[in-house]
N, C-alpha and C. Protein backbone atom coordinates (compact mmCIF):
# COMPACT_ATOMS: atom_id res chain seq x y z
N UNK A 1 17.60 10.95 2.18
CA UNK A 1 16.81 9.75 1.79
C UNK A 1 18.19 8.75 1.22
N UNK A 2 17.43 7.35 1.52
CA UNK A 2 18.36 6.66 1.17
C UNK A 2 18.12 6.21 -0.64
N UNK A 3 19.41 5.80 -0.98
CA UNK A 3 19.04 5.89 -2.53
C UNK A 3 18.68 4.10 -3.24
N UNK A 4 17.14 3.74 -3.66
CA UNK A 4 17.52 2.40 -3.77
C UNK A 4 17.37 1.72 -5.00
N UNK A 5 17.51 0.79 -5.55
CA UNK A 5 17.67 0.43 -6.88
C UNK A 5 16.53 0.03 -7.38
N UNK A 6 16.71 0.04 -9.11
CA UNK A 6 15.18 0.01 -9.44
C UNK A 6 14.42 -1.34 -9.37
N UNK A 7 15.19 -2.11 -9.32
CA UNK A 7 14.87 -3.50 -8.78
C UNK A 7 14.22 -3.84 -6.88
N UNK A 8 14.89 -2.76 -6.44
CA UNK A 8 14.08 -2.83 -4.71
C UNK A 8 12.98 -1.80 -4.99
N UNK A 9 12.65 -1.22 -5.92
CA UNK A 9 11.55 -0.22 -5.62
C UNK A 9 10.26 -1.21 -6.77
N UNK A 10 10.83 -1.71 -7.40
CA UNK A 10 9.79 -2.63 -8.21
C UNK A 10 9.46 -3.86 -7.46
N UNK A 11 10.55 -4.49 -6.64
CA UNK A 11 9.76 -5.54 -5.89
C UNK A 11 8.59 -5.14 -4.34
N UNK A 12 9.40 -3.46 -4.02
CA UNK A 12 8.87 -3.11 -2.89
C UNK A 12 7.17 -3.20 -2.92
N UNK A 13 7.22 -2.48 -4.59
CA UNK A 13 5.87 -1.89 -5.24
C UNK A 13 4.93 -3.09 -5.17
N UNK A 14 5.25 -4.52 -5.85
CA UNK A 14 4.70 -5.72 -5.51
C UNK A 14 4.11 -5.51 -4.67
N UNK A 15 5.16 -6.24 -3.65
CA UNK A 15 4.72 -6.61 -2.33
C UNK A 15 3.39 -5.86 -1.83
N UNK A 16 3.78 -4.01 -2.22
CA UNK A 16 2.52 -3.38 -1.43
C UNK A 16 1.45 -3.55 -2.30
N UNK A 17 1.28 -3.84 -3.35
CA UNK A 17 0.26 -3.59 -4.10
C UNK A 17 -0.70 -5.00 -3.93
N UNK A 18 0.18 -5.77 -3.33
CA UNK A 18 -0.28 -7.63 -3.15
C UNK A 18 -1.23 -7.57 -2.06
N UNK A 19 -0.56 -6.69 -0.98
CA UNK A 19 -0.94 -6.54 0.56
C UNK A 19 -2.30 -5.53 0.50
N UNK A 20 -2.23 -4.77 -0.70
CA UNK A 20 -3.36 -3.45 -1.04
C UNK A 20 -4.23 -4.19 -1.24
N UNK A 21 -4.20 -5.62 -2.19
CA UNK A 21 -5.98 -6.14 -2.49
C UNK A 21 -6.08 -7.19 -1.52
N UNK A 22 -4.92 -7.38 -0.59
CA UNK A 22 -5.67 -8.86 0.05
C UNK A 22 -6.32 -7.65 1.15
N UNK A 23 -5.40 -6.32 1.45
CA UNK A 23 -6.66 -5.44 2.60
C UNK A 23 -7.95 -4.84 1.97
N UNK A 24 -8.05 -4.84 0.64
CA UNK A 24 -9.26 -4.11 0.24
C UNK A 24 -10.36 -5.59 0.46
N UNK A 25 -9.87 -6.87 -0.02
CA UNK A 25 -10.83 -7.96 0.48
C UNK A 25 -11.35 -7.97 1.49
N UNK A 26 -10.34 -7.67 2.68
CA UNK A 26 -10.21 -8.15 4.24
C UNK A 26 -11.53 -7.10 4.70
N UNK A 27 -11.27 -5.25 3.54
CA UNK A 27 -12.53 -4.40 4.12
C UNK A 27 -13.85 -4.64 3.99
N UNK A 28 -14.33 -5.33 3.11
CA UNK A 28 -15.33 -5.30 2.62
C UNK A 28 -16.08 -6.41 3.93
N UNK A 29 -15.07 -7.18 4.51
CA UNK A 29 -15.89 -7.77 5.91
C UNK A 29 -15.93 -7.76 6.81
N UNK A 30 -15.46 -6.26 7.29
CA UNK A 30 -15.13 -5.75 8.36
C UNK A 30 -16.52 -4.60 8.71
N UNK A 31 -16.85 -4.24 9.18
CA UNK A 31 -18.11 -3.48 10.23
C UNK A 31 -17.74 -2.31 10.08
N UNK A 32 -17.92 -1.25 9.14
CA UNK A 32 -17.72 0.20 9.34
C UNK A 32 -18.02 0.94 10.60
N UNK A 33 -17.21 1.82 11.49
CA UNK A 33 -17.39 2.18 12.40
C UNK A 33 -16.55 1.05 13.24
N UNK A 34 -15.98 -0.10 13.27
CA UNK A 34 -15.28 -0.21 14.19
C UNK A 34 -13.43 -0.09 14.01
N UNK A 35 -13.20 -0.48 15.17
CA UNK A 35 -11.47 0.10 14.76
C UNK A 35 -10.74 -0.73 13.86
N UNK A 36 -11.08 -2.13 13.65
CA UNK A 36 -10.41 -2.73 13.03
C UNK A 36 -10.54 -2.25 11.33
N UNK A 37 -12.31 -1.88 10.89
CA UNK A 37 -12.28 -0.97 9.88
C UNK A 37 -11.38 0.03 9.24
N UNK A 38 -11.74 0.92 10.88
CA UNK A 38 -10.85 2.54 10.86
C UNK A 38 -9.37 2.16 10.25
N UNK A 39 -8.51 1.01 10.93
CA UNK A 39 -7.36 0.43 10.67
C UNK A 39 -6.80 -0.03 9.50
N UNK A 40 -8.08 -0.89 9.16
CA UNK A 40 -7.72 -1.38 7.23
C UNK A 40 -7.95 0.11 6.60
N UNK A 41 -8.63 0.90 6.80
CA UNK A 41 -8.67 2.03 5.87
C UNK A 41 -7.81 2.61 5.68
N UNK A 42 -7.28 3.00 7.07
CA UNK A 42 -5.76 3.52 7.04
C UNK A 42 -4.52 3.44 6.69
N UNK A 43 -4.70 1.67 6.40
CA UNK A 43 -3.34 1.34 5.69
C UNK A 43 -3.35 1.03 4.34
N UNK A 44 -5.14 1.08 4.05
CA UNK A 44 -4.91 1.24 2.42
C UNK A 44 -4.84 2.51 2.14
N UNK A 45 -5.26 3.32 2.62
CA UNK A 45 -4.60 4.71 2.24
C UNK A 45 -3.13 5.37 2.16
N UNK A 46 -1.90 4.45 2.85
CA UNK A 46 -1.12 4.59 3.45
C UNK A 46 -0.17 3.58 1.81
N UNK A 47 -1.07 2.84 1.82
CA UNK A 47 -0.28 2.03 0.87
C UNK A 47 -0.68 2.16 -0.76
N UNK A 48 -1.67 2.82 -0.82
CA UNK A 48 -1.91 3.74 -1.78
C UNK A 48 -0.74 4.76 -2.22
N UNK A 49 -0.42 5.35 -1.07
CA UNK A 49 0.62 6.38 -1.17
C UNK A 49 1.69 5.99 -1.27
N UNK A 50 2.27 5.02 -0.26
CA UNK A 50 3.60 4.52 -0.64
C UNK A 50 3.68 4.00 -2.24
N UNK A 51 2.95 3.58 -3.02
CA UNK A 51 2.79 2.73 -4.50
C UNK A 51 2.81 3.96 -5.40
N UNK A 52 2.48 5.26 -4.93
CA UNK A 52 2.30 6.29 -5.65
C UNK A 52 3.84 6.94 -5.35
N UNK A 53 4.18 7.28 -4.26
CA UNK A 53 5.87 7.44 -4.72
C UNK A 53 6.66 6.70 -4.99
N UNK A 54 6.06 5.36 -4.87
CA UNK A 54 7.35 4.20 -5.60
C UNK A 54 7.30 5.15 -7.10
N UNK A 55 5.77 4.93 -7.89
CA UNK A 55 5.96 5.23 -9.54
C UNK A 55 6.80 6.42 -9.81
N UNK A 56 6.34 7.51 -8.61
CA UNK A 56 6.74 8.87 -8.64
C UNK A 56 8.68 8.53 -8.82
N UNK A 57 8.92 7.64 -8.18
CA UNK A 57 10.96 7.52 -8.27
C UNK A 57 11.16 6.87 -9.49
N UNK A 58 10.04 5.81 -9.96
CA UNK A 58 10.67 5.03 -10.77
C UNK A 58 10.42 5.89 -11.91
N UNK A 59 10.05 6.74 -12.11
CA UNK A 59 9.89 7.86 -13.91
C UNK A 59 10.97 8.94 -13.23
N UNK A 60 11.47 9.40 -12.16
CA UNK A 60 12.96 9.43 -13.10
C UNK A 60 13.86 8.88 -13.41
């Protein structure tokens, strides 16, 4: 795995968190059971995982 600087990780975290917040707002407007809703839900889960992994890396 490639090594990233603290600044790169912080910037990536900010970008992902921003996109995550926007996706949460979009999700509220999508009808449950539609492909768009499913995709948005899966993306939100992926973004949460990414933020958690970045946080773990920053703690080390």
